[in-house]
């Protein structure tokens, strides 16, 4: 580096303006708070949001049709129970969560020459309502969806298992999405 470039780099007026810019940026960022969504630096049983999530009673998932959706609804409910309570016991219920589930299956690809489906996609749509347990007052509503695909083969039982696995993957995504939205709600309400 030449001495003229070095002199410009360490020029006192340039250092002053850089320090003013950095100071202004520091003041602007001082108002920002970065904290975990779940309220504490470690999500443990004492976390305020974890306590709120554990106090949610999750009703059996309603479905629009078929016995297949009842199984998927139970997978979704189990995933939410584990996510909300972290495998432990729940708190006395202060909230109620109702979920309605719908499922669609579509052909994604078709094999050439055979004209049979090569793969399918499964889409689960869930509508949910969070309400107070005692008064049944609605606190939050929302929708979540997830899509998972699977390959179709000539083996009947492999196809059934692949479809079931796709349903389970989509249910897990929806459970995580609902948990995140509810944690965000409790954090925004100042309970986290």
N, C-alpha and C. Protein backbone atom coordinates (compact mmCIF):
# COMPACT_ATOMS: atom_id res chain seq x y z
N UNK A 1 0.86 -1.16 0.00
CA UNK A 1 0.00 0.00 0.00
C UNK A 1 0.90 1.23 0.00
N UNK A 2 0.61 2.17 -0.84
CA UNK A 2 1.43 3.39 -0.92
C UNK A 2 1.16 4.27 0.29
N UNK A 3 2.11 5.15 0.57
CA UNK A 3 1.98 6.02 1.74
C UNK A 3 0.82 7.00 1.59
N UNK A 4 0.51 7.43 0.36
CA UNK A 4 -0.62 8.36 0.18
C UNK A 4 -1.95 7.68 0.50
N UNK A 5 -2.13 6.41 0.11
CA UNK A 5 -3.36 5.68 0.44
C UNK A 5 -3.45 5.45 1.95
N UNK A 6 -2.32 5.14 2.57
CA UNK A 6 -2.32 4.91 4.00
C UNK A 6 -2.63 6.20 4.74
N UNK A 7 -2.10 7.31 4.27
CA UNK A 7 -2.39 8.59 4.91
C UNK A 7 -3.87 8.94 4.81
N UNK A 8 -4.49 8.66 3.65
CA UNK A 8 -5.93 8.92 3.50
C UNK A 8 -6.75 8.00 4.40
N UNK A 9 -6.28 6.77 4.56
CA UNK A 9 -7.00 5.80 5.38
C UNK A 9 -6.99 6.20 6.85
N UNK A 10 -5.88 6.73 7.31
CA UNK A 10 -5.77 7.11 8.72
C UNK A 10 -5.91 8.60 8.94
N UNK A 11 -6.49 9.30 8.00
CA UNK A 11 -6.74 10.73 8.12
C UNK A 11 -7.68 10.98 9.31
N UNK A 12 -7.35 11.94 10.21
CA UNK A 12 -8.18 12.19 11.40
C UNK A 12 -9.62 12.56 11.06
N UNK A 13 -9.84 13.32 10.00
CA UNK A 13 -11.21 13.69 9.65
C UNK A 13 -12.00 12.46 9.18
N UNK A 14 -11.35 11.55 8.48
CA UNK A 14 -12.00 10.32 8.04
C UNK A 14 -12.32 9.44 9.24
N UNK A 15 -11.41 9.35 10.19
CA UNK A 15 -11.67 8.54 11.39
C UNK A 15 -12.83 9.10 12.17
N UNK A 16 -12.94 10.44 12.24
CA UNK A 16 -14.06 11.06 12.95
C UNK A 16 -15.38 10.70 12.28
N UNK A 17 -15.43 10.80 10.96
CA UNK A 17 -16.69 10.50 10.27
C UNK A 17 -17.04 9.01 10.38
N UNK A 18 -16.04 8.14 10.34
CA UNK A 18 -16.31 6.71 10.51
C UNK A 18 -16.81 6.44 11.92
N UNK A 19 -16.20 7.07 12.91
CA UNK A 19 -16.65 6.84 14.29
C UNK A 19 -18.05 7.42 14.51
N UNK A 20 -18.39 8.54 13.85
CA UNK A 20 -19.76 9.07 13.95
C UNK A 20 -20.77 8.12 13.33
N UNK A 21 -20.43 7.56 12.18
CA UNK A 21 -21.32 6.60 11.52
C UNK A 21 -21.51 5.36 12.38
N UNK A 22 -20.41 4.84 12.92
CA UNK A 22 -20.52 3.66 13.78
C UNK A 22 -21.29 3.97 15.05
N UNK A 23 -21.09 5.15 15.60
CA UNK A 23 -21.85 5.54 16.80
C UNK A 23 -23.33 5.66 16.51
N UNK A 24 -23.68 6.25 15.37
CA UNK A 24 -25.10 6.37 15.00
C UNK A 24 -25.70 4.99 14.77
N UNK A 25 -24.96 4.11 14.12
CA UNK A 25 -25.46 2.75 13.89
C UNK A 25 -25.65 2.02 15.22
N UNK A 26 -24.74 2.25 16.16
CA UNK A 26 -24.88 1.64 17.48
C UNK A 26 -26.12 2.13 18.21
N UNK A 27 -26.42 3.45 18.09
CA UNK A 27 -27.62 3.97 18.73
C UNK A 27 -28.88 3.41 18.09
N UNK A 28 -28.88 3.27 16.78
CA UNK A 28 -30.05 2.71 16.09
C UNK A 28 -30.26 1.27 16.51
N UNK A 29 -29.18 0.50 16.55
CA UNK A 29 -29.30 -0.91 16.90
C UNK A 29 -29.52 -1.14 18.38
N UNK A 30 -29.25 -0.14 19.20
CA UNK A 30 -29.46 -0.29 20.64
C UNK A 30 -30.93 -0.48 20.97
N UNK A 31 -31.81 0.03 20.13
CA UNK A 31 -33.24 -0.14 20.36
C UNK A 31 -33.75 -1.50 19.95
N UNK A 32 -32.96 -2.22 19.16
CA UNK A 32 -33.38 -3.54 18.71
C UNK A 32 -33.10 -4.56 19.80
N UNK A 33 -34.00 -5.49 19.91
CA UNK A 33 -33.80 -6.58 20.85
C UNK A 33 -33.77 -7.88 20.07
N UNK A 34 -32.76 -8.63 20.28
CA UNK A 34 -32.68 -9.95 19.70
C UNK A 34 -32.77 -10.93 20.84
N UNK A 35 -33.86 -11.67 20.84
CA UNK A 35 -34.01 -12.68 21.87
C UNK A 35 -34.71 -13.88 21.26
N UNK A 36 -34.56 -15.02 21.87
CA UNK A 36 -35.17 -16.21 21.30
C UNK A 36 -36.69 -16.11 21.33
N UNK A 37 -37.31 -16.78 20.40
CA UNK A 37 -38.76 -16.78 20.32
C UNK A 37 -39.39 -17.34 21.58
N UNK A 38 -38.76 -18.30 22.19
CA UNK A 38 -39.33 -18.95 23.35
C UNK A 38 -39.04 -18.23 24.66
N UNK A 39 -38.46 -17.05 24.62
CA UNK A 39 -38.40 -16.18 25.78
C UNK A 39 -37.16 -16.25 26.63
N UNK A 40 -36.45 -17.33 26.67
CA UNK A 40 -35.23 -17.40 27.43
C UNK A 40 -34.14 -17.95 26.53
N UNK A 41 -32.92 -17.88 26.99
CA UNK A 41 -31.82 -18.36 26.16
C UNK A 41 -31.79 -19.86 26.06
N UNK A 42 -32.40 -20.54 27.00
CA UNK A 42 -32.52 -21.99 26.89
C UNK A 42 -33.98 -22.35 27.14
N UNK A 43 -34.52 -23.13 26.23
CA UNK A 43 -35.91 -23.54 26.38
C UNK A 43 -35.96 -24.70 27.35
N UNK A 44 -36.38 -24.40 28.52
CA UNK A 44 -36.52 -25.43 29.53
C UNK A 44 -37.93 -25.39 30.08
N UNK A 45 -38.18 -26.19 31.06
CA UNK A 45 -39.53 -26.22 31.63
C UNK A 45 -39.92 -24.91 32.30
N UNK A 46 -38.94 -24.04 32.61
CA UNK A 46 -39.24 -22.78 33.27
C UNK A 46 -39.47 -21.63 32.29
N UNK A 47 -39.32 -21.89 31.00
CA UNK A 47 -39.54 -20.85 29.99
C UNK A 47 -41.00 -20.43 29.99
N UNK A 48 -41.28 -19.11 29.99
CA UNK A 48 -42.67 -18.65 30.03
C UNK A 48 -43.49 -19.15 28.84
N UNK A 49 -42.93 -19.11 27.64
CA UNK A 49 -43.70 -19.56 26.48
C UNK A 49 -43.88 -21.07 26.52
N UNK A 50 -42.88 -21.79 26.98
CA UNK A 50 -43.02 -23.24 27.11
C UNK A 50 -44.16 -23.57 28.08
N UNK A 51 -44.29 -22.79 29.14
CA UNK A 51 -45.39 -22.99 30.08
C UNK A 51 -46.74 -22.71 29.46
N UNK A 52 -46.81 -21.68 28.62
CA UNK A 52 -48.07 -21.37 27.93
C UNK A 52 -48.43 -22.47 26.95
N UNK A 53 -47.44 -22.96 26.20
CA UNK A 53 -47.71 -24.04 25.24
C UNK A 53 -48.15 -25.31 25.96
N UNK A 54 -47.56 -25.59 27.11
CA UNK A 54 -47.92 -26.79 27.86
C UNK A 54 -49.32 -26.69 28.45
N UNK A 55 -49.88 -25.48 28.53
CA UNK A 55 -51.22 -25.28 29.08
C UNK A 55 -52.31 -25.32 28.01
N UNK A 56 -51.97 -25.78 26.81
CA UNK A 56 -52.95 -25.87 25.73
C UNK A 56 -53.51 -27.28 25.69
N UNK A 57 -54.82 -27.38 25.79
CA UNK A 57 -55.48 -28.67 25.60
C UNK A 57 -55.76 -28.82 24.11
N UNK A 58 -55.24 -29.88 23.52
CA UNK A 58 -55.40 -30.11 22.09
C UNK A 58 -56.52 -31.12 21.90
N UNK A 59 -57.59 -30.68 21.27
CA UNK A 59 -58.72 -31.58 21.02
C UNK A 59 -58.37 -32.55 19.91
N UNK A 60 -59.16 -33.61 19.81
CA UNK A 60 -58.99 -34.54 18.69
C UNK A 60 -59.15 -33.77 17.39
N UNK A 61 -58.31 -34.06 16.43
CA UNK A 61 -58.32 -33.33 15.16
C UNK A 61 -59.54 -33.74 14.36
N UNK A 62 -60.32 -32.74 13.92
CA UNK A 62 -61.47 -32.99 13.05
C UNK A 62 -60.97 -33.16 11.62
N UNK A 63 -61.64 -34.03 10.90
CA UNK A 63 -61.29 -34.21 9.50
C UNK A 63 -62.54 -34.13 8.66
N UNK A 64 -62.35 -33.81 7.41
CA UNK A 64 -63.48 -33.62 6.52
C UNK A 64 -63.98 -34.93 5.93
N UNK A 65 -63.23 -36.00 6.05
CA UNK A 65 -63.67 -37.28 5.47
C UNK A 65 -62.84 -38.42 6.02
N UNK A 66 -62.95 -39.51 5.44
CA UNK A 66 -62.26 -40.79 5.54
C UNK A 66 -61.52 -41.11 6.83
N UNK A 67 -61.43 -42.41 7.05
CA UNK A 67 -60.68 -42.93 8.20
C UNK A 67 -59.20 -42.64 8.07
N UNK A 68 -58.71 -42.51 6.83
CA UNK A 68 -57.31 -42.20 6.59
C UNK A 68 -56.92 -40.88 7.27
N UNK A 69 -57.84 -39.92 7.21
CA UNK A 69 -57.56 -38.63 7.84
C UNK A 69 -57.58 -38.72 9.36
N UNK A 70 -58.32 -39.64 9.91
CA UNK A 70 -58.31 -39.80 11.37
C UNK A 70 -56.93 -40.23 11.84
N UNK A 71 -56.29 -41.13 11.10
CA UNK A 71 -54.95 -41.56 11.45
C UNK A 71 -53.97 -40.40 11.32
N UNK A 72 -54.08 -39.65 10.24
CA UNK A 72 -53.19 -38.50 10.04
C UNK A 72 -53.44 -37.44 11.11
N UNK A 73 -54.72 -37.23 11.45
CA UNK A 73 -55.06 -36.30 12.51
C UNK A 73 -54.47 -36.70 13.84
N UNK A 74 -54.43 -38.01 14.11
CA UNK A 74 -53.83 -38.48 15.36
C UNK A 74 -52.32 -38.27 15.35
N UNK A 75 -51.69 -38.49 14.20
CA UNK A 75 -50.25 -38.21 14.08
C UNK A 75 -49.98 -36.74 14.34
N UNK A 76 -50.79 -35.87 13.74
CA UNK A 76 -50.64 -34.42 13.93
C UNK A 76 -50.82 -34.05 15.40
N UNK A 77 -51.85 -34.58 16.04
CA UNK A 77 -52.10 -34.28 17.46
C UNK A 77 -50.95 -34.76 18.33
N UNK A 78 -50.45 -35.98 18.07
CA UNK A 78 -49.33 -36.50 18.85
C UNK A 78 -48.08 -35.64 18.70
N UNK A 79 -47.81 -35.19 17.48
CA UNK A 79 -46.65 -34.32 17.24
C UNK A 79 -46.79 -33.01 18.01
N UNK A 80 -48.01 -32.44 18.01
CA UNK A 80 -48.21 -31.18 18.75
C UNK A 80 -48.11 -31.41 20.25
N UNK A 81 -48.66 -32.51 20.75
CA UNK A 81 -48.55 -32.79 22.18
C UNK A 81 -47.10 -32.90 22.60
N UNK A 82 -46.31 -33.61 21.82
CA UNK A 82 -44.89 -33.75 22.16
C UNK A 82 -44.17 -32.41 22.05
N UNK A 83 -44.48 -31.64 21.01
CA UNK A 83 -43.82 -30.35 20.82
C UNK A 83 -44.19 -29.34 21.90
N UNK A 84 -45.45 -29.32 22.30
CA UNK A 84 -45.90 -28.36 23.30
C UNK A 84 -45.42 -28.72 24.69
N UNK A 85 -45.39 -30.01 24.99
CA UNK A 85 -45.09 -30.45 26.36
C UNK A 85 -43.69 -31.02 26.51
N UNK A 86 -42.97 -31.13 25.42
CA UNK A 86 -41.59 -31.65 25.42
C UNK A 86 -41.51 -33.02 26.08
N UNK A 87 -42.55 -33.83 25.88
CA UNK A 87 -42.54 -35.18 26.41
C UNK A 87 -42.97 -35.28 27.86
N UNK A 88 -43.25 -34.15 28.50
CA UNK A 88 -43.66 -34.16 29.90
C UNK A 88 -45.16 -34.01 30.04
N UNK A 89 -45.57 -33.82 31.25
CA UNK A 89 -46.99 -33.59 31.52
C UNK A 89 -47.34 -32.14 31.20
N UNK A 90 -48.56 -31.94 30.82
CA UNK A 90 -49.02 -30.59 30.54
C UNK A 90 -49.39 -29.84 31.81
N UNK A 91 -49.52 -28.55 31.66
CA UNK A 91 -50.01 -27.70 32.75
C UNK A 91 -51.53 -27.84 32.83
N UNK A 92 -52.14 -27.35 33.91
CA UNK A 92 -53.60 -27.29 33.91
C UNK A 92 -54.06 -26.45 32.72
N UNK A 93 -55.07 -26.90 31.99
CA UNK A 93 -55.43 -26.22 30.74
C UNK A 93 -55.94 -24.79 30.94
N UNK A 94 -55.34 -23.87 30.18
CA UNK A 94 -55.81 -22.49 30.13
C UNK A 94 -56.29 -22.12 28.73
N UNK A 95 -55.90 -22.95 27.76
CA UNK A 95 -56.25 -22.69 26.36
C UNK A 95 -56.74 -23.99 25.73
N UNK A 96 -57.48 -23.82 24.64
CA UNK A 96 -57.97 -24.97 23.87
C UNK A 96 -57.59 -24.74 22.42
N UNK A 97 -57.11 -25.79 21.77
CA UNK A 97 -56.73 -25.73 20.36
C UNK A 97 -57.59 -26.71 19.58
N UNK A 98 -58.28 -26.17 18.58
CA UNK A 98 -59.08 -27.00 17.68
C UNK A 98 -58.44 -26.97 16.30
N UNK A 99 -58.33 -28.13 15.68
CA UNK A 99 -57.72 -28.22 14.36
C UNK A 99 -58.65 -29.00 13.45
N UNK A 100 -58.86 -28.48 12.24
CA UNK A 100 -59.62 -29.17 11.20
C UNK A 100 -58.64 -29.45 10.06
N UNK A 101 -58.64 -30.69 9.61
CA UNK A 101 -57.65 -31.15 8.64
C UNK A 101 -58.33 -31.58 7.35
N UNK A 102 -57.70 -31.25 6.24
CA UNK A 102 -58.16 -31.66 4.92
C UNK A 102 -56.95 -32.20 4.15
N UNK A 103 -57.19 -33.14 3.25
CA UNK A 103 -56.08 -33.78 2.52
C UNK A 103 -56.41 -33.88 1.04
N UNK A 104 -55.40 -33.61 0.22
CA UNK A 104 -55.53 -33.78 -1.22
C UNK A 104 -54.35 -34.59 -1.72
N UNK A 105 -54.62 -35.43 -2.72
CA UNK A 105 -53.56 -36.23 -3.35
C UNK A 105 -53.61 -35.97 -4.84
N UNK A 106 -52.46 -35.63 -5.42
CA UNK A 106 -52.39 -35.31 -6.84
C UNK A 106 -51.26 -36.06 -7.51
N UNK A 107 -51.49 -36.38 -8.77
CA UNK A 107 -50.43 -36.99 -9.57
C UNK A 107 -49.43 -35.90 -9.94
N UNK A 108 -48.16 -36.21 -9.76
CA UNK A 108 -47.12 -35.23 -10.07
C UNK A 108 -46.47 -35.57 -11.41
N UNK A 109 -46.19 -36.81 -11.63
CA UNK A 109 -45.53 -37.22 -12.86
C UNK A 109 -46.16 -38.47 -13.41
N UNK A 110 -46.06 -38.65 -14.71
CA UNK A 110 -46.61 -39.82 -15.37
C UNK A 110 -45.48 -40.49 -16.15
N UNK A 111 -45.42 -41.82 -16.05
CA UNK A 111 -44.41 -42.57 -16.78
C UNK A 111 -44.71 -42.52 -18.27
N UNK A 112 -43.68 -42.34 -19.05
CA UNK A 112 -43.84 -42.37 -20.50
C UNK A 112 -44.26 -43.77 -20.94
N UNK A 113 -44.93 -43.85 -21.98
CA UNK A 113 -45.35 -45.09 -22.63
C UNK A 113 -46.32 -45.92 -21.81
N UNK A 114 -46.23 -45.92 -20.49
CA UNK A 114 -47.11 -46.73 -19.67
C UNK A 114 -48.37 -45.97 -19.27
N UNK A 115 -48.30 -44.65 -19.26
CA UNK A 115 -49.42 -43.78 -18.90
C UNK A 115 -49.96 -44.07 -17.50
N UNK A 116 -49.06 -44.35 -16.56
CA UNK A 116 -49.43 -44.53 -15.16
C UNK A 116 -48.66 -43.52 -14.33
N UNK A 117 -49.20 -43.15 -13.20
CA UNK A 117 -48.50 -42.16 -12.36
C UNK A 117 -47.14 -42.66 -11.89
N UNK A 118 -46.16 -41.79 -11.93
CA UNK A 118 -44.82 -42.13 -11.44
C UNK A 118 -44.62 -41.61 -10.01
N UNK A 119 -45.31 -40.54 -9.67
CA UNK A 119 -45.21 -39.99 -8.32
C UNK A 119 -46.47 -39.20 -7.99
N UNK A 120 -46.68 -39.05 -6.71
CA UNK A 120 -47.84 -38.32 -6.19
C UNK A 120 -47.35 -37.27 -5.20
N UNK A 121 -48.19 -36.28 -4.97
CA UNK A 121 -47.94 -35.35 -3.87
C UNK A 121 -49.18 -35.34 -2.98
N UNK A 122 -48.92 -35.26 -1.71
CA UNK A 122 -49.98 -35.20 -0.71
C UNK A 122 -49.92 -33.81 -0.09
N UNK A 123 -51.05 -33.12 -0.05
CA UNK A 123 -51.12 -31.81 0.58
C UNK A 123 -52.10 -31.86 1.73
N UNK A 124 -51.63 -31.48 2.90
CA UNK A 124 -52.50 -31.39 4.08
C UNK A 124 -52.75 -29.91 4.38
N UNK A 125 -53.99 -29.56 4.59
CA UNK A 125 -54.40 -28.21 4.97
C UNK A 125 -55.02 -28.28 6.36
N UNK A 126 -54.56 -27.44 7.25
CA UNK A 126 -55.08 -27.42 8.61
C UNK A 126 -55.53 -26.01 8.96
N UNK A 127 -56.72 -25.90 9.48
CA UNK A 127 -57.21 -24.64 10.04
C UNK A 127 -57.25 -24.83 11.55
N UNK A 128 -56.78 -23.83 12.29
CA UNK A 128 -56.75 -24.00 13.75
C UNK A 128 -57.30 -22.76 14.45
N UNK A 129 -57.85 -23.00 15.63
CA UNK A 129 -58.42 -21.94 16.47
C UNK A 129 -57.90 -22.14 17.89
N UNK A 130 -57.26 -21.11 18.43
CA UNK A 130 -56.83 -21.11 19.82
C UNK A 130 -57.83 -20.27 20.60
N UNK A 131 -58.36 -20.84 21.67
CA UNK A 131 -59.34 -20.11 22.47
C UNK A 131 -59.03 -20.30 23.95
N UNK A 132 -59.60 -19.43 24.77
CA UNK A 132 -59.46 -19.57 26.22
C UNK A 132 -60.25 -20.79 26.67
N UNK A 133 -59.72 -21.51 27.62
CA UNK A 133 -60.35 -22.75 28.07
C UNK A 133 -61.67 -22.47 28.79
N UNK A 134 -61.67 -21.49 29.67
CA UNK A 134 -62.85 -21.22 30.49
C UNK A 134 -63.96 -20.52 29.72
N UNK A 135 -63.62 -19.47 28.99
CA UNK A 135 -64.64 -18.63 28.34
C UNK A 135 -64.91 -19.00 26.89
N UNK A 136 -64.06 -19.80 26.29
CA UNK A 136 -64.15 -20.17 24.88
C UNK A 136 -64.00 -18.96 23.96
N UNK A 137 -63.38 -17.90 24.45
CA UNK A 137 -63.13 -16.71 23.65
C UNK A 137 -61.97 -17.00 22.68
N UNK A 138 -62.18 -16.70 21.40
CA UNK A 138 -61.17 -16.95 20.39
C UNK A 138 -60.01 -15.97 20.54
N UNK A 139 -58.80 -16.50 20.64
CA UNK A 139 -57.60 -15.68 20.78
C UNK A 139 -56.84 -15.57 19.46
N UNK A 140 -56.84 -16.65 18.69
CA UNK A 140 -56.06 -16.66 17.46
C UNK A 140 -56.63 -17.71 16.51
N UNK A 141 -56.60 -17.40 15.24
CA UNK A 141 -56.96 -18.37 14.21
C UNK A 141 -55.86 -18.40 13.17
N UNK A 142 -55.77 -19.47 12.45
CA UNK A 142 -54.74 -19.55 11.42
C UNK A 142 -54.92 -20.77 10.55
N UNK A 143 -54.10 -20.81 9.52
CA UNK A 143 -54.08 -21.94 8.59
C UNK A 143 -52.63 -22.35 8.37
N UNK A 144 -52.44 -23.63 8.22
CA UNK A 144 -51.11 -24.17 7.92
C UNK A 144 -51.27 -25.26 6.87
N UNK A 145 -50.28 -25.40 6.04
CA UNK A 145 -50.33 -26.46 5.06
C UNK A 145 -48.94 -27.01 4.83
N UNK A 146 -48.90 -28.23 4.31
CA UNK A 146 -47.63 -28.87 3.98
C UNK A 146 -47.86 -29.84 2.84
N UNK A 147 -46.85 -29.98 2.01
CA UNK A 147 -46.91 -30.91 0.89
C UNK A 147 -45.72 -31.86 0.97
N UNK A 148 -45.98 -33.12 0.71
CA UNK A 148 -44.92 -34.12 0.65
C UNK A 148 -45.19 -35.01 -0.55
N UNK A 149 -44.16 -35.45 -1.19
CA UNK A 149 -44.34 -36.29 -2.36
C UNK A 149 -43.75 -37.68 -2.13
N UNK A 150 -44.19 -38.61 -2.95
CA UNK A 150 -43.65 -39.97 -2.88
C UNK A 150 -43.72 -40.59 -4.26
N UNK A 151 -42.83 -41.55 -4.49
CA UNK A 151 -42.77 -42.26 -5.77
C UNK A 151 -43.75 -43.42 -5.76
N UNK A 152 -44.30 -43.68 -6.90
CA UNK A 152 -45.27 -44.76 -7.09
C UNK A 152 -44.57 -45.88 -7.84
N UNK A 153 -44.74 -47.11 -7.36
CA UNK A 153 -44.08 -48.24 -8.02
C UNK A 153 -45.11 -49.32 -8.34
N UNK A 154 -44.64 -50.44 -8.80
CA UNK A 154 -45.54 -51.55 -9.12
C UNK A 154 -45.85 -52.41 -7.88
N UNK A 155 -45.24 -52.09 -6.77
CA UNK A 155 -45.44 -52.87 -5.55
C UNK A 155 -46.51 -52.21 -4.68
N UNK A 156 -47.59 -52.90 -4.48
CA UNK A 156 -48.75 -52.35 -3.80
C UNK A 156 -48.45 -51.89 -2.37
N UNK A 157 -47.81 -52.73 -1.58
CA UNK A 157 -47.56 -52.39 -0.18
C UNK A 157 -46.49 -51.31 -0.04
N UNK A 158 -45.55 -51.29 -0.95
CA UNK A 158 -44.56 -50.20 -0.94
C UNK A 158 -45.24 -48.87 -1.21
N UNK A 159 -46.23 -48.86 -2.08
CA UNK A 159 -46.98 -47.64 -2.36
C UNK A 159 -47.77 -47.17 -1.14
N UNK A 160 -48.40 -48.12 -0.45
CA UNK A 160 -49.16 -47.76 0.75
C UNK A 160 -48.25 -47.18 1.82
N UNK A 161 -47.08 -47.80 1.99
CA UNK A 161 -46.13 -47.31 3.00
C UNK A 161 -45.57 -45.95 2.62
N UNK A 162 -45.27 -45.76 1.34
CA UNK A 162 -44.73 -44.48 0.88
C UNK A 162 -45.76 -43.37 1.06
N UNK A 163 -47.02 -43.66 0.79
CA UNK A 163 -48.08 -42.66 0.97
C UNK A 163 -48.24 -42.32 2.45
N UNK A 164 -48.20 -43.33 3.30
CA UNK A 164 -48.33 -43.09 4.74
C UNK A 164 -47.16 -42.26 5.26
N UNK A 165 -45.94 -42.56 4.79
CA UNK A 165 -44.77 -41.78 5.19
C UNK A 165 -44.89 -40.32 4.74
N UNK A 166 -45.40 -40.09 3.55
CA UNK A 166 -45.60 -38.73 3.05
C UNK A 166 -46.61 -37.99 3.93
N UNK A 167 -47.70 -38.68 4.29
CA UNK A 167 -48.70 -38.08 5.19
C UNK A 167 -48.06 -37.70 6.53
N UNK A 168 -47.25 -38.60 7.08
CA UNK A 168 -46.60 -38.34 8.37
C UNK A 168 -45.65 -37.15 8.29
N UNK A 169 -44.88 -37.07 7.20
CA UNK A 169 -43.95 -35.95 7.04
C UNK A 169 -44.71 -34.63 6.97
N UNK A 170 -45.80 -34.61 6.22
CA UNK A 170 -46.59 -33.38 6.11
C UNK A 170 -47.22 -33.01 7.46
N UNK A 171 -47.69 -34.00 8.21
CA UNK A 171 -48.28 -33.73 9.53
C UNK A 171 -47.24 -33.14 10.48
N UNK A 172 -46.01 -33.63 10.42
CA UNK A 172 -44.95 -33.10 11.29
C UNK A 172 -44.63 -31.65 10.95
N UNK A 173 -44.64 -31.31 9.68
CA UNK A 173 -44.38 -29.93 9.27
C UNK A 173 -45.48 -29.02 9.78
N UNK A 174 -46.72 -29.45 9.64
CA UNK A 174 -47.85 -28.64 10.12
C UNK A 174 -47.78 -28.46 11.63
N UNK A 175 -47.46 -29.52 12.36
CA UNK A 175 -47.35 -29.42 13.82
C UNK A 175 -46.29 -28.40 14.22
N UNK A 176 -45.15 -28.42 13.56
CA UNK A 176 -44.10 -27.45 13.85
C UNK A 176 -44.51 -26.04 13.50
N UNK A 177 -45.23 -25.88 12.40
CA UNK A 177 -45.70 -24.55 12.00
C UNK A 177 -46.69 -23.99 13.01
N UNK A 178 -47.63 -24.80 13.43
CA UNK A 178 -48.62 -24.35 14.42
C UNK A 178 -47.92 -24.00 15.74
N UNK A 179 -46.98 -24.82 16.16
CA UNK A 179 -46.25 -24.54 17.40
C UNK A 179 -45.51 -23.21 17.32
N UNK A 180 -44.85 -22.97 16.20
CA UNK A 180 -44.12 -21.72 16.03
C UNK A 180 -45.05 -20.52 16.04
N UNK A 181 -46.18 -20.63 15.38
CA UNK A 181 -47.14 -19.52 15.36
C UNK A 181 -47.72 -19.24 16.74
N UNK A 182 -48.02 -20.30 17.49
CA UNK A 182 -48.55 -20.08 18.84
C UNK A 182 -47.49 -19.50 19.76
N UNK A 183 -46.26 -19.97 19.62
CA UNK A 183 -45.17 -19.39 20.44
C UNK A 183 -44.99 -17.91 20.11
N UNK A 184 -45.08 -17.57 18.84
CA UNK A 184 -45.00 -16.16 18.43
C UNK A 184 -46.15 -15.35 19.02
N UNK A 185 -47.35 -15.93 19.04
CA UNK A 185 -48.51 -15.24 19.62
C UNK A 185 -48.27 -14.96 21.09
N UNK A 186 -47.82 -15.97 21.85
CA UNK A 186 -47.61 -15.79 23.29
C UNK A 186 -46.48 -14.79 23.54
N UNK A 187 -45.45 -14.81 22.72
CA UNK A 187 -44.36 -13.86 22.87
C UNK A 187 -44.85 -12.44 22.62
N UNK A 188 -45.67 -12.26 21.57
CA UNK A 188 -46.21 -10.93 21.24
C UNK A 188 -47.15 -10.41 22.33
N UNK A 189 -47.81 -11.33 23.02
CA UNK A 189 -48.73 -10.93 24.08
C UNK A 189 -48.01 -10.59 25.37
N UNK A 190 -46.70 -10.78 25.38
CA UNK A 190 -45.92 -10.44 26.57
C UNK A 190 -45.90 -11.55 27.59
N UNK A 191 -46.36 -12.71 27.21
CA UNK A 191 -46.37 -13.84 28.13
C UNK A 191 -45.11 -14.66 27.99
N UNK A 192 -44.19 -14.19 27.15
CA UNK A 192 -42.96 -14.93 26.93
C UNK A 192 -41.85 -14.09 27.11
